[in-house]
Amino acid sequence: MLDDCFKVDFENTRITKIVKNADDLKVVREILYESYRGLKDCYKHFAAIGAPSEIWSIPLNTFTDFCNNAKIIDNKILKLSDFDRIFIATYTKPPDREKNHRNPDRALVRYQFLEGLVRLAEHKYIGSGIVPTYGEALKLMMDECLSSFLKNFNHHSWREERYWNEDVDTILKSYFPILRGIYKKYSGQKTLPGQKKYMCLEEFHRLMADTQMYNDNCGERDATLAFNLAMMTQVDELNSDRIYQMQFVEFLEALSRIADKFSSHPYGWNAIHPVTGQMEVTSSKY
């Protein structure tokens, strides 16, 4: 699955047009492939907290937050004015590419996130004369800025540490009919005739509000993040709306993430600051 995701994303980028040397391109591809799981998870996080609508994507202000917190922008070699031009060049589609509502203007989707990193590495390290090749530039940016930062976005660890255990399984099974009824009541708003019923983000937010799940520990942005993190990874995000259509099994995970976040004793993924991605001190494991 992950290999297929990377293949589709890489083929959608314009990296092959940016990196013209075949050997250099091979190195760039290998670096992105080796880091793809972390990059994908990081993208998923920032695409959830920054999306201006239900279409997962990273607008300029959120991409700026990402680059600032990862220390890619240093205001010396890479300044904000340079960064804006790089962002525009990345999200601008070629004339021959068909308009796609899943690939909004002025925001980056998953494949563009990869392309943007290559463009940033080019300006930061090649344009300044630090290294001559894209492979060296990208490797340097990974080592200096991204490798440690990406470790903050291993959202799968929450499943292993908090979700996949006997206690949670027992509770979910005990309340299964009720949870099934809740899912049924709060889904279907955007389901087309003949289509399998699903829950959209708007319906999930309505459920959170109706059940008064928002408090000092858990806000609307946390609910959006829980929704997106619970969604199964899709190989091709450009040609399917599946990434916006929550099924019941994903609903159970999203609700569990919210319950963990709602708790007065946060632990795990909820100890990650939603913007900076930095770990914060937790009060208790349970």
Protein backbone atom coordinates (compact mmCIF):
# COMPACT_ATOMS: atom_id res chain seq x y z
CA MET A 1 0.00 0.00 0.00
CA LEU A 2 2.68 2.52 1.03
CA ASP A 3 4.77 1.71 -2.05
CA ASP A 4 1.74 2.29 -4.27
CA CYS A 5 0.99 5.59 -2.54
CA PHE A 6 4.52 6.82 -3.08
CA LYS A 7 4.53 5.74 -6.72
CA VAL A 8 1.31 7.62 -7.47
CA ASP A 9 2.42 10.72 -5.57
CA PHE A 10 5.85 10.84 -7.19
CA GLU A 11 4.43 10.39 -10.68
CA ASN A 12 2.03 13.29 -10.10
CA THR A 13 4.82 15.69 -9.09
CA ARG A 14 6.94 17.76 -11.46
CA ILE A 15 10.13 16.63 -9.76
CA THR A 16 11.27 14.89 -12.96
CA LYS A 17 11.10 18.28 -14.69
CA ILE A 18 12.92 20.04 -11.86
CA VAL A 19 15.72 17.47 -11.45
CA LYS A 20 16.99 16.87 -14.97
CA ASN A 21 20.04 14.69 -14.22
CA ALA A 22 18.98 11.02 -14.15
CA ASP A 23 21.44 9.97 -11.44
CA ASP A 24 20.50 12.94 -9.28
CA LEU A 25 16.80 12.20 -9.79
CA LYS A 26 17.34 8.63 -8.65
CA VAL A 27 18.94 9.85 -5.41
CA VAL A 28 16.08 12.31 -4.79
CA ARG A 29 13.51 9.58 -5.35
CA GLU A 30 15.27 7.22 -2.94
CA ILE A 31 15.47 9.86 -0.21
CA LEU A 32 11.77 10.69 -0.53
CA TYR A 33 10.87 6.99 -0.60
CA GLU A 34 12.87 6.21 2.54
CA SER A 35 11.19 9.07 4.40
CA TYR A 36 7.76 8.68 2.83
CA ARG A 37 5.92 7.18 5.79
CA GLY A 38 6.95 10.08 8.04
CA LEU A 39 6.29 12.65 5.33
CA LYS A 40 2.84 11.19 4.64
CA ASP A 41 1.90 11.23 8.32
CA CYS A 42 3.23 14.76 8.74
CA TYR A 43 1.25 15.90 5.69
CA LYS A 44 -1.91 14.25 7.05
CA HIS A 45 -1.53 16.16 10.31
CA PHE A 46 -1.02 19.60 8.76
CA ALA A 47 -3.60 18.99 6.02
CA ALA A 48 -6.20 18.41 8.75
CA ILE A 49 -5.41 21.42 10.93
CA GLY A 50 -4.95 23.76 7.98
CA ALA A 51 -7.61 22.74 5.48
CA PRO A 52 -9.96 25.68 4.79
CA SER A 53 -12.77 23.24 3.92
CA GLU A 54 -13.44 19.49 3.99
CA ILE A 55 -10.82 19.04 1.25
CA TRP A 56 -7.61 18.00 3.00
CA SER A 57 -4.83 20.36 1.92
CA ILE A 58 -2.16 22.69 3.31
CA PRO A 59 -2.63 26.43 2.64
CA LEU A 60 0.18 28.96 2.78
CA ASN A 61 -0.11 29.91 6.46
CA THR A 62 -0.09 26.26 7.58
CA PHE A 63 2.82 25.38 5.28
CA THR A 64 4.66 28.38 6.75
CA ASP A 65 4.01 27.02 10.26
CA PHE A 66 5.34 23.63 9.20
CA CYS A 67 8.51 25.11 7.70
CA ASN A 68 9.10 27.44 10.64
CA ASN A 69 8.68 24.68 13.22
CA ALA A 70 10.87 22.30 11.24
CA LYS A 71 13.43 25.14 11.03
CA ILE A 72 13.51 25.06 7.22
CA ILE A 73 12.93 28.82 7.09
CA ASP A 74 15.93 30.54 8.67
CA ASN A 75 15.36 34.14 7.39
CA LYS A 76 18.94 34.15 6.16
CA ILE A 77 19.31 31.79 3.22
CA LEU A 78 15.61 31.05 2.96
CA LYS A 79 13.41 34.05 3.74
CA LEU A 80 9.64 34.37 3.85
CA SER A 81 9.61 36.30 0.56
CA ASP A 82 11.46 33.42 -1.14
CA PHE A 83 9.17 30.94 0.55
CA ASP A 84 6.04 32.56 -0.89
CA ARG A 85 7.37 32.24 -4.43
CA ILE A 86 8.26 28.59 -3.87
CA PHE A 87 4.78 27.88 -2.51
CA ILE A 88 3.10 29.52 -5.53
CA ALA A 89 5.31 27.61 -7.96
CA THR A 90 4.39 24.36 -6.22
CA TYR A 91 0.61 24.71 -6.16
CA THR A 92 0.32 26.23 -9.66
CA LYS A 93 -0.91 23.51 -12.03
CA PRO A 94 0.31 23.15 -15.62
CA PRO A 95 -2.20 24.24 -18.29
CA ASP A 96 -2.71 20.67 -19.49
CA ARG A 97 -3.83 19.38 -16.08
CA GLU A 98 -7.61 19.12 -15.68
CA LYS A 99 -9.28 21.05 -12.87
CA ASN A 100 -9.94 18.81 -9.88
CA HIS A 101 -11.90 19.80 -6.77
CA ARG A 102 -9.71 17.44 -4.74
CA ASN A 103 -6.67 19.55 -5.70
CA PRO A 104 -7.64 23.11 -4.65
CA ASP A 105 -5.92 26.29 -5.75
CA ARG A 106 -3.57 28.02 -3.30
CA ALA A 107 -3.05 24.89 -1.20
CA LEU A 108 -0.89 21.78 -1.35
CA VAL A 109 -2.20 18.23 -1.52
CA ARG A 110 -0.12 15.16 -0.73
CA TYR A 111 1.92 14.89 -3.92
CA GLN A 112 2.58 18.65 -3.95
CA PHE A 113 3.89 18.44 -0.40
CA LEU A 114 6.72 16.23 -1.71
CA GLU A 115 7.40 18.57 -4.62
CA GLY A 116 7.47 21.57 -2.30
CA LEU A 117 10.19 19.98 -0.18
CA VAL A 118 12.39 19.46 -3.25
CA ARG A 119 11.89 23.09 -4.28
CA LEU A 120 12.73 24.27 -0.76
CA ALA A 121 15.90 22.16 -0.71
CA GLU A 122 16.88 23.59 -4.11
CA HIS A 123 16.62 27.19 -2.94
CA LYS A 124 18.09 26.63 0.51
CA TYR A 125 21.15 24.59 -0.44
CA ILE A 126 21.74 24.72 -4.20
CA GLY A 127 20.81 28.37 -4.79
CA SER A 128 23.09 29.41 -1.94
CA GLY A 129 25.99 27.37 -3.31
CA ILE A 130 26.21 25.02 -0.32
CA VAL A 131 25.86 21.85 -2.44
CA PRO A 132 25.66 21.31 -6.23
CA THR A 133 23.02 18.55 -6.56
CA TYR A 134 19.38 18.05 -5.60
CA GLY A 135 20.14 14.77 -3.91
CA GLU A 136 22.72 16.38 -1.64
CA ALA A 137 20.40 19.32 -0.96
CA LEU A 138 17.45 17.13 -0.02
CA LYS A 139 19.62 14.87 2.14
CA LEU A 140 20.99 17.91 3.95
CA MET A 141 17.51 19.29 4.59
CA MET A 142 16.34 15.91 5.88
CA ASP A 143 19.33 15.66 8.23
CA GLU A 144 19.23 19.25 9.49
CA CYS A 145 15.49 19.90 9.63
CA LEU A 146 13.15 17.00 9.00
CA SER A 147 14.39 13.65 10.28
CA SER A 148 13.84 14.38 13.98
CA PHE A 149 10.79 16.59 13.34
CA LEU A 150 8.92 13.85 11.46
CA LYS A 151 9.14 11.54 14.47
CA ASN A 152 6.48 13.69 16.14
CA PHE A 153 3.88 12.50 13.64
CA ASN A 154 3.89 8.73 14.07
CA HIS A 155 0.13 8.55 14.57
CA HIS A 156 0.13 4.76 14.29
CA SER A 157 1.87 4.52 17.66
CA TRP A 158 -1.35 5.75 19.32
CA ARG A 159 -3.16 2.69 17.98
CA GLU A 160 -0.53 0.35 19.39
CA GLU A 161 -0.26 2.10 22.76
CA ARG A 162 -3.83 3.21 23.42
CA TYR A 163 -6.34 1.69 21.01
CA TRP A 164 -5.50 -1.91 20.17
CA ASN A 165 -5.99 -3.47 23.58
CA GLU A 166 -8.51 -5.67 25.37
CA ASP A 167 -10.01 -2.92 27.54
CA VAL A 168 -10.91 -0.67 24.61
CA ASP A 169 -12.16 -3.63 22.61
CA THR A 170 -14.45 -4.67 25.48
CA ILE A 171 -15.91 -1.17 25.82
CA LEU A 172 -16.52 -0.79 22.08
CA LYS A 173 -18.20 -4.20 21.91
CA SER A 174 -20.38 -3.40 24.94
CA TYR A 175 -21.63 -0.18 23.37
CA PHE A 176 -21.62 -1.46 19.79
CA PRO A 177 -25.42 -1.17 19.17
CA ILE A 178 -25.47 2.38 20.57
CA LEU A 179 -22.42 3.43 18.57
CA ARG A 180 -23.92 1.88 15.45
CA GLY A 181 -27.10 3.88 16.04
CA ILE A 182 -25.17 7.11 16.57
CA TYR A 183 -23.19 6.56 13.37
CA LYS A 184 -26.41 5.89 11.45
CA LYS A 185 -28.07 9.03 12.80
CA TYR A 186 -25.12 11.31 12.05
CA SER A 187 -24.26 10.04 8.58
CA GLY A 188 -25.73 10.18 5.10
CA GLN A 189 -26.02 13.94 4.64
CA LYS A 190 -23.84 13.90 1.52
CA THR A 191 -24.36 10.30 0.45
CA LEU A 192 -25.64 10.01 -3.11
CA PRO A 193 -28.54 7.69 -4.06
CA GLY A 194 -27.29 4.11 -4.33
CA GLN A 195 -24.04 4.96 -2.55
CA LYS A 196 -22.90 3.31 0.68
CA LYS A 197 -23.76 5.56 3.61
CA TYR A 198 -20.83 7.46 5.12
CA MET A 199 -20.15 10.21 7.65
CA CYS A 200 -18.66 13.48 6.47
CA LEU A 201 -16.56 15.89 8.54
CA GLU A 202 -19.48 18.29 8.99
CA GLU A 203 -21.58 15.50 10.51
CA PHE A 204 -18.74 14.47 12.81
CA HIS A 205 -18.45 18.05 14.07
CA ARG A 206 -22.19 18.17 14.66
CA LEU A 207 -22.00 15.00 16.73
CA MET A 208 -19.17 16.44 18.82
CA ALA A 209 -21.14 19.63 19.44
CA ASP A 210 -24.41 17.83 20.23
CA THR A 211 -22.69 15.58 22.76
CA GLN A 212 -20.77 18.51 24.29
CA MET A 213 -17.40 16.89 23.64
CA TYR A 214 -15.64 20.21 23.20
CA ASN A 215 -13.80 21.43 26.26
CA ASP A 216 -10.45 22.99 27.23
CA ASN A 217 -8.64 19.81 26.12
CA CYS A 218 -10.60 19.17 22.94
CA GLY A 219 -11.70 21.70 20.32
CA GLU A 220 -13.01 21.66 16.76
CA ARG A 221 -9.50 21.44 15.30
CA ASP A 222 -8.84 18.37 17.44
CA ALA A 223 -12.01 16.77 16.08
CA THR A 224 -10.93 17.50 12.51
CA LEU A 225 -7.53 15.98 13.23
CA ALA A 226 -9.07 12.89 14.85
CA PHE A 227 -11.34 12.45 11.83
CA ASN A 228 -8.47 12.61 9.34
CA LEU A 229 -6.08 10.44 11.37
CA ALA A 230 -8.73 7.73 11.61
CA MET A 231 -9.26 7.63 7.85
CA MET A 232 -7.54 4.78 6.02
CA THR A 233 -4.73 5.87 3.70
CA GLN A 234 -5.79 5.89 0.06
CA VAL A 235 -3.37 5.22 -2.79
CA ASP A 236 -4.76 7.91 -5.09
CA GLU A 237 -6.18 10.98 -3.37
CA LEU A 238 -6.80 12.85 -6.62
CA ASN A 239 -9.34 10.51 -8.20
CA SER A 240 -11.48 9.38 -5.29
CA ASP A 241 -13.55 11.02 -2.56
CA ARG A 242 -12.98 8.09 -0.20
CA ILE A 243 -10.62 10.13 2.01
CA TYR A 244 -13.58 12.33 2.99
CA GLN A 245 -16.06 9.49 3.55
CA MET A 246 -15.82 7.97 7.02
CA GLN A 247 -16.95 4.36 7.41
CA PHE A 248 -18.08 2.87 10.72
CA VAL A 249 -14.75 1.23 11.61
CA GLU A 250 -13.01 4.59 11.08
CA PHE A 251 -15.70 6.31 13.14
CA LEU A 252 -14.90 4.04 16.09
CA GLU A 253 -11.24 5.03 15.94
CA ALA A 254 -12.01 8.74 15.54
CA LEU A 255 -14.37 8.64 18.51
CA SER A 256 -11.73 6.84 20.58
CA ARG A 257 -9.15 9.47 19.67
CA ILE A 258 -11.60 12.16 20.78
CA ALA A 259 -12.27 10.33 24.06
CA ASP A 260 -8.54 10.21 24.73
CA LYS A 261 -8.18 13.90 23.90
CA PHE A 262 -11.26 14.83 25.95
CA SER A 263 -9.77 13.20 29.04
CA SER A 264 -8.34 15.45 31.73
CA HIS A 265 -5.24 13.24 31.66
CA PRO A 266 -4.04 13.46 28.05
CA TYR A 267 -1.45 11.01 26.82
CA GLY A 268 0.21 10.02 23.54
CA TRP A 269 -0.81 11.76 20.34
CA ASN A 270 -2.76 14.43 22.23
CA ALA A 271 0.52 15.53 23.82
CA ILE A 272 1.66 16.77 20.41
CA HIS A 273 0.99 20.45 19.87
CA PRO A 274 -1.35 20.68 16.85
CA VAL A 275 0.69 23.39 15.09
CA THR A 276 4.31 22.94 16.14
CA GLY A 277 4.25 19.15 16.24
CA GLN A 278 6.44 19.28 19.34
CA MET A 279 5.89 16.89 22.24
CA GLU A 280 4.48 18.43 25.40
CA VAL A 281 4.64 17.10 28.97
CA THR A 282 1.83 14.68 29.77
CA SER A 283 0.27 14.34 33.19
CA SER A 284 -0.53 10.63 33.28
CA LYS A 285 -0.58 7.54 31.15
CA TYR A 286 -4.11 6.61 32.25
